[in-house]
N, C-alpha and C. Protein backbone atom coordinates (compact mmCIF):
# COMPACT_ATOMS: atom_id res chain seq x y z
N MET A 1 110.88 75.95 44.55
CA MET A 1 110.42 76.81 45.60
C MET A 1 109.03 76.34 46.02
N ASN A 2 108.72 76.53 47.29
CA ASN A 2 107.40 76.13 47.77
C ASN A 2 106.95 77.07 48.88
N GLY A 3 105.76 76.81 49.38
CA GLY A 3 105.18 77.68 50.40
C GLY A 3 104.27 78.71 49.76
N SER A 4 103.90 79.69 50.53
CA SER A 4 103.02 80.73 50.00
C SER A 4 103.85 81.88 49.43
N LEU A 5 103.25 82.61 48.54
CA LEU A 5 103.89 83.79 47.97
C LEU A 5 103.78 84.91 49.00
N PRO A 6 104.90 85.45 49.47
CA PRO A 6 104.84 86.45 50.54
C PRO A 6 104.20 87.76 50.07
N VAL A 7 103.47 88.41 50.96
CA VAL A 7 102.83 89.68 50.61
C VAL A 7 103.86 90.74 50.26
N GLU A 8 105.08 90.57 50.72
CA GLU A 8 106.14 91.54 50.44
C GLU A 8 106.47 91.64 48.96
N VAL A 9 106.00 90.68 48.17
CA VAL A 9 106.22 90.77 46.73
C VAL A 9 105.60 92.07 46.19
N GLY A 10 104.59 92.57 46.87
CA GLY A 10 103.96 93.83 46.48
C GLY A 10 104.83 95.05 46.68
N ASN A 11 105.96 94.89 47.36
CA ASN A 11 106.89 96.00 47.56
C ASN A 11 107.92 96.11 46.45
N MET A 12 107.94 95.17 45.54
CA MET A 12 108.94 95.14 44.46
C MET A 12 108.42 95.91 43.26
N LYS A 13 108.16 97.19 43.46
CA LYS A 13 107.43 98.01 42.49
C LYS A 13 108.19 98.35 41.22
N ALA A 14 109.48 98.09 41.16
CA ALA A 14 110.24 98.40 39.95
C ALA A 14 110.24 97.26 38.94
N LEU A 15 109.69 96.12 39.32
CA LEU A 15 109.69 94.96 38.42
C LEU A 15 108.76 95.18 37.23
N SER A 16 109.19 94.70 36.08
CA SER A 16 108.31 94.73 34.91
C SER A 16 107.78 93.33 34.58
N GLU A 17 108.45 92.29 35.06
CA GLU A 17 108.02 90.90 34.81
C GLU A 17 108.26 90.05 36.05
N ILE A 18 107.35 89.14 36.32
CA ILE A 18 107.54 88.12 37.35
C ILE A 18 107.15 86.78 36.73
N ASN A 19 108.06 85.82 36.78
CA ASN A 19 107.76 84.47 36.33
C ASN A 19 108.17 83.50 37.43
N LEU A 20 107.19 82.99 38.13
CA LEU A 20 107.41 82.02 39.19
C LEU A 20 106.69 80.72 38.85
N SER A 21 106.61 80.42 37.57
CA SER A 21 105.91 79.23 37.10
C SER A 21 106.69 77.97 37.43
N GLY A 22 105.95 76.87 37.55
CA GLY A 22 106.56 75.57 37.72
C GLY A 22 107.21 75.34 39.07
N ASN A 23 106.70 75.97 40.08
CA ASN A 23 107.20 75.75 41.44
C ASN A 23 106.12 75.02 42.24
N ARG A 24 106.22 75.07 43.52
CA ARG A 24 105.22 74.43 44.38
C ARG A 24 104.60 75.46 45.32
N PHE A 25 104.38 76.67 44.81
CA PHE A 25 103.72 77.69 45.62
C PHE A 25 102.28 77.27 45.87
N SER A 26 101.78 77.61 47.04
CA SER A 26 100.40 77.27 47.39
C SER A 26 99.79 78.42 48.17
N GLY A 27 98.56 78.24 48.59
CA GLY A 27 97.87 79.29 49.34
C GLY A 27 97.19 80.27 48.39
N ASN A 28 96.71 81.35 48.94
CA ASN A 28 96.01 82.37 48.16
C ASN A 28 96.99 83.31 47.48
N LEU A 29 96.55 83.87 46.37
CA LEU A 29 97.33 84.93 45.73
C LEU A 29 97.23 86.17 46.60
N PRO A 30 98.35 86.78 46.97
CA PRO A 30 98.28 87.95 47.85
C PRO A 30 97.68 89.17 47.14
N SER A 31 96.80 89.86 47.82
CA SER A 31 96.21 91.07 47.23
C SER A 31 97.26 92.15 47.00
N ALA A 32 98.41 92.04 47.67
CA ALA A 32 99.50 93.01 47.50
C ALA A 32 100.05 93.01 46.08
N LEU A 33 99.73 92.00 45.27
CA LEU A 33 100.15 92.01 43.87
C LEU A 33 99.64 93.27 43.16
N GLY A 34 98.51 93.77 43.61
CA GLY A 34 97.93 94.97 43.02
C GLY A 34 98.80 96.20 43.16
N ASN A 35 99.79 96.17 44.03
CA ASN A 35 100.70 97.30 44.19
C ASN A 35 101.69 97.42 43.04
N LEU A 36 101.78 96.40 42.22
CA LEU A 36 102.78 96.36 41.14
C LEU A 36 102.19 96.98 39.87
N ASP A 37 101.99 98.28 39.91
CA ASP A 37 101.26 98.94 38.83
C ASP A 37 102.05 99.13 37.54
N ILE A 38 103.36 98.88 37.52
CA ILE A 38 104.10 98.94 36.25
C ILE A 38 104.45 97.55 35.73
N LEU A 39 104.01 96.52 36.44
CA LEU A 39 104.28 95.15 36.01
C LEU A 39 103.57 94.88 34.69
N GLN A 40 104.30 94.33 33.73
CA GLN A 40 103.73 94.03 32.42
C GLN A 40 103.42 92.55 32.24
N GLY A 41 104.14 91.69 32.94
CA GLY A 41 103.92 90.26 32.80
C GLY A 41 103.95 89.55 34.13
N LEU A 42 102.93 88.72 34.38
CA LEU A 42 102.86 87.93 35.60
C LEU A 42 102.53 86.49 35.23
N ALA A 43 103.50 85.60 35.42
CA ALA A 43 103.32 84.18 35.10
C ALA A 43 103.46 83.37 36.38
N LEU A 44 102.36 82.79 36.81
CA LEU A 44 102.34 81.96 38.02
C LEU A 44 101.75 80.58 37.71
N ARG A 45 101.85 80.15 36.47
CA ARG A 45 101.26 78.88 36.06
C ARG A 45 101.98 77.69 36.70
N ASN A 46 101.30 76.57 36.71
CA ASN A 46 101.86 75.30 37.20
C ASN A 46 102.35 75.38 38.64
N ASN A 47 101.50 75.90 39.50
CA ASN A 47 101.74 75.91 40.94
C ASN A 47 100.52 75.29 41.62
N SER A 48 100.32 75.58 42.86
CA SER A 48 99.16 75.05 43.59
C SER A 48 98.40 76.16 44.30
N PHE A 49 98.36 77.34 43.69
CA PHE A 49 97.60 78.44 44.29
C PHE A 49 96.14 78.05 44.35
N GLU A 50 95.45 78.54 45.38
CA GLU A 50 94.04 78.24 45.55
C GLU A 50 93.29 79.51 45.92
N GLY A 51 91.98 79.37 46.01
CA GLY A 51 91.17 80.54 46.32
C GLY A 51 90.80 81.30 45.06
N HIS A 52 90.46 82.54 45.22
CA HIS A 52 90.00 83.36 44.10
C HIS A 52 91.11 84.29 43.61
N ILE A 53 90.88 84.86 42.44
CA ILE A 53 91.77 85.89 41.91
C ILE A 53 91.41 87.19 42.62
N PRO A 54 92.37 87.82 43.29
CA PRO A 54 92.04 89.03 44.06
C PRO A 54 91.64 90.21 43.16
N GLU A 55 90.67 90.97 43.62
CA GLU A 55 90.22 92.18 42.91
C GLU A 55 91.37 93.14 42.66
N SER A 56 92.35 93.13 43.54
CA SER A 56 93.47 94.08 43.43
C SER A 56 94.28 93.91 42.15
N ILE A 57 94.13 92.78 41.47
CA ILE A 57 94.82 92.57 40.19
C ILE A 57 94.47 93.71 39.23
N SER A 58 93.27 94.25 39.35
CA SER A 58 92.84 95.32 38.44
C SER A 58 93.63 96.61 38.63
N LYS A 59 94.40 96.72 39.70
CA LYS A 59 95.25 97.90 39.91
C LYS A 59 96.56 97.80 39.14
N MET A 60 96.82 96.65 38.53
CA MET A 60 98.05 96.44 37.77
C MET A 60 97.83 96.99 36.35
N ILE A 61 97.76 98.29 36.24
CA ILE A 61 97.28 98.95 35.03
C ILE A 61 98.18 98.78 33.81
N SER A 62 99.41 98.34 33.99
CA SER A 62 100.31 98.13 32.86
C SER A 62 100.36 96.67 32.41
N LEU A 63 99.60 95.81 33.06
CA LEU A 63 99.68 94.38 32.81
C LEU A 63 99.26 94.03 31.38
N GLU A 64 100.13 93.29 30.70
CA GLU A 64 99.85 92.83 29.34
C GLU A 64 99.63 91.32 29.28
N ASP A 65 100.39 90.57 30.07
CA ASP A 65 100.31 89.11 30.08
C ASP A 65 100.05 88.62 31.49
N LEU A 66 99.01 87.81 31.65
CA LEU A 66 98.66 87.24 32.95
C LEU A 66 98.38 85.75 32.77
N ASP A 67 99.24 84.91 33.33
CA ASP A 67 99.08 83.46 33.20
C ASP A 67 98.99 82.83 34.58
N LEU A 68 97.79 82.41 34.93
CA LEU A 68 97.52 81.76 36.21
C LEU A 68 97.06 80.32 36.00
N SER A 69 97.32 79.77 34.83
CA SER A 69 96.82 78.45 34.47
C SER A 69 97.46 77.34 35.30
N ASN A 70 96.76 76.22 35.36
CA ASN A 70 97.22 75.02 36.07
C ASN A 70 97.50 75.27 37.55
N ASN A 71 96.56 75.93 38.20
CA ASN A 71 96.56 76.10 39.64
C ASN A 71 95.24 75.54 40.15
N ASN A 72 94.92 75.77 41.37
CA ASN A 72 93.67 75.29 41.96
C ASN A 72 92.75 76.45 42.32
N LEU A 73 92.71 77.45 41.46
CA LEU A 73 91.90 78.64 41.72
C LEU A 73 90.42 78.31 41.59
N SER A 74 89.60 79.03 42.33
CA SER A 74 88.15 78.79 42.31
C SER A 74 87.42 80.13 42.31
N GLY A 75 86.12 80.06 42.17
CA GLY A 75 85.32 81.27 42.17
C GLY A 75 85.20 81.84 40.77
N SER A 76 84.58 82.99 40.68
CA SER A 76 84.39 83.63 39.39
C SER A 76 85.50 84.65 39.13
N LEU A 77 85.61 85.02 37.87
CA LEU A 77 86.60 86.04 37.51
C LEU A 77 86.12 87.40 38.00
N PRO A 78 87.01 88.20 38.56
CA PRO A 78 86.61 89.55 38.98
C PRO A 78 86.22 90.39 37.76
N ARG A 79 85.10 91.07 37.86
CA ARG A 79 84.67 91.97 36.77
C ARG A 79 85.68 93.07 36.52
N SER A 80 86.43 93.41 37.55
CA SER A 80 87.40 94.50 37.43
C SER A 80 88.52 94.17 36.45
N LEU A 81 88.67 92.91 36.05
CA LEU A 81 89.69 92.56 35.06
C LEU A 81 89.46 93.30 33.74
N THR A 82 88.22 93.70 33.49
CA THR A 82 87.92 94.41 32.24
C THR A 82 88.55 95.80 32.20
N THR A 83 89.06 96.28 33.32
CA THR A 83 89.70 97.60 33.33
C THR A 83 91.18 97.52 32.93
N LEU A 84 91.69 96.32 32.73
CA LEU A 84 93.10 96.15 32.32
C LEU A 84 93.19 96.34 30.81
N LEU A 85 93.32 97.56 30.39
CA LEU A 85 93.24 97.92 28.98
C LEU A 85 94.41 97.43 28.15
N HIS A 86 95.55 97.12 28.76
CA HIS A 86 96.72 96.66 28.02
C HIS A 86 96.83 95.14 27.99
N LEU A 87 95.93 94.45 28.67
CA LEU A 87 95.99 92.99 28.77
C LEU A 87 95.73 92.36 27.40
N THR A 88 96.73 91.63 26.89
CA THR A 88 96.59 90.96 25.60
C THR A 88 96.61 89.44 25.73
N TYR A 89 97.07 88.92 26.86
CA TYR A 89 97.10 87.48 27.08
C TYR A 89 96.64 87.19 28.50
N PHE A 90 95.66 86.29 28.61
CA PHE A 90 95.12 85.91 29.91
C PHE A 90 94.81 84.42 29.90
N ALA A 91 95.41 83.68 30.82
CA ALA A 91 95.14 82.24 30.93
C ALA A 91 94.93 81.90 32.39
N VAL A 92 93.87 81.13 32.63
CA VAL A 92 93.56 80.71 33.99
C VAL A 92 93.08 79.28 33.98
């Protein structure tokens, strides 16, 4: 798969896990990911995402695993990540 991750992914609110690793996704991470407040695992490693990690990630209050490694992300980590109380694994 390639191209950008569509903002409509934020409408898939019943998902508990998303693994889109090892594709050719590019562009910015959509802030609509923050709408997935029951998501427990998000794996987007080994793609070509760029830009910063959106602040809206902090709205994913059930998130336990977040893997954004091996992308082209830049900027600093959002301070709001510290509000993810269930986060046990984080890779960037």
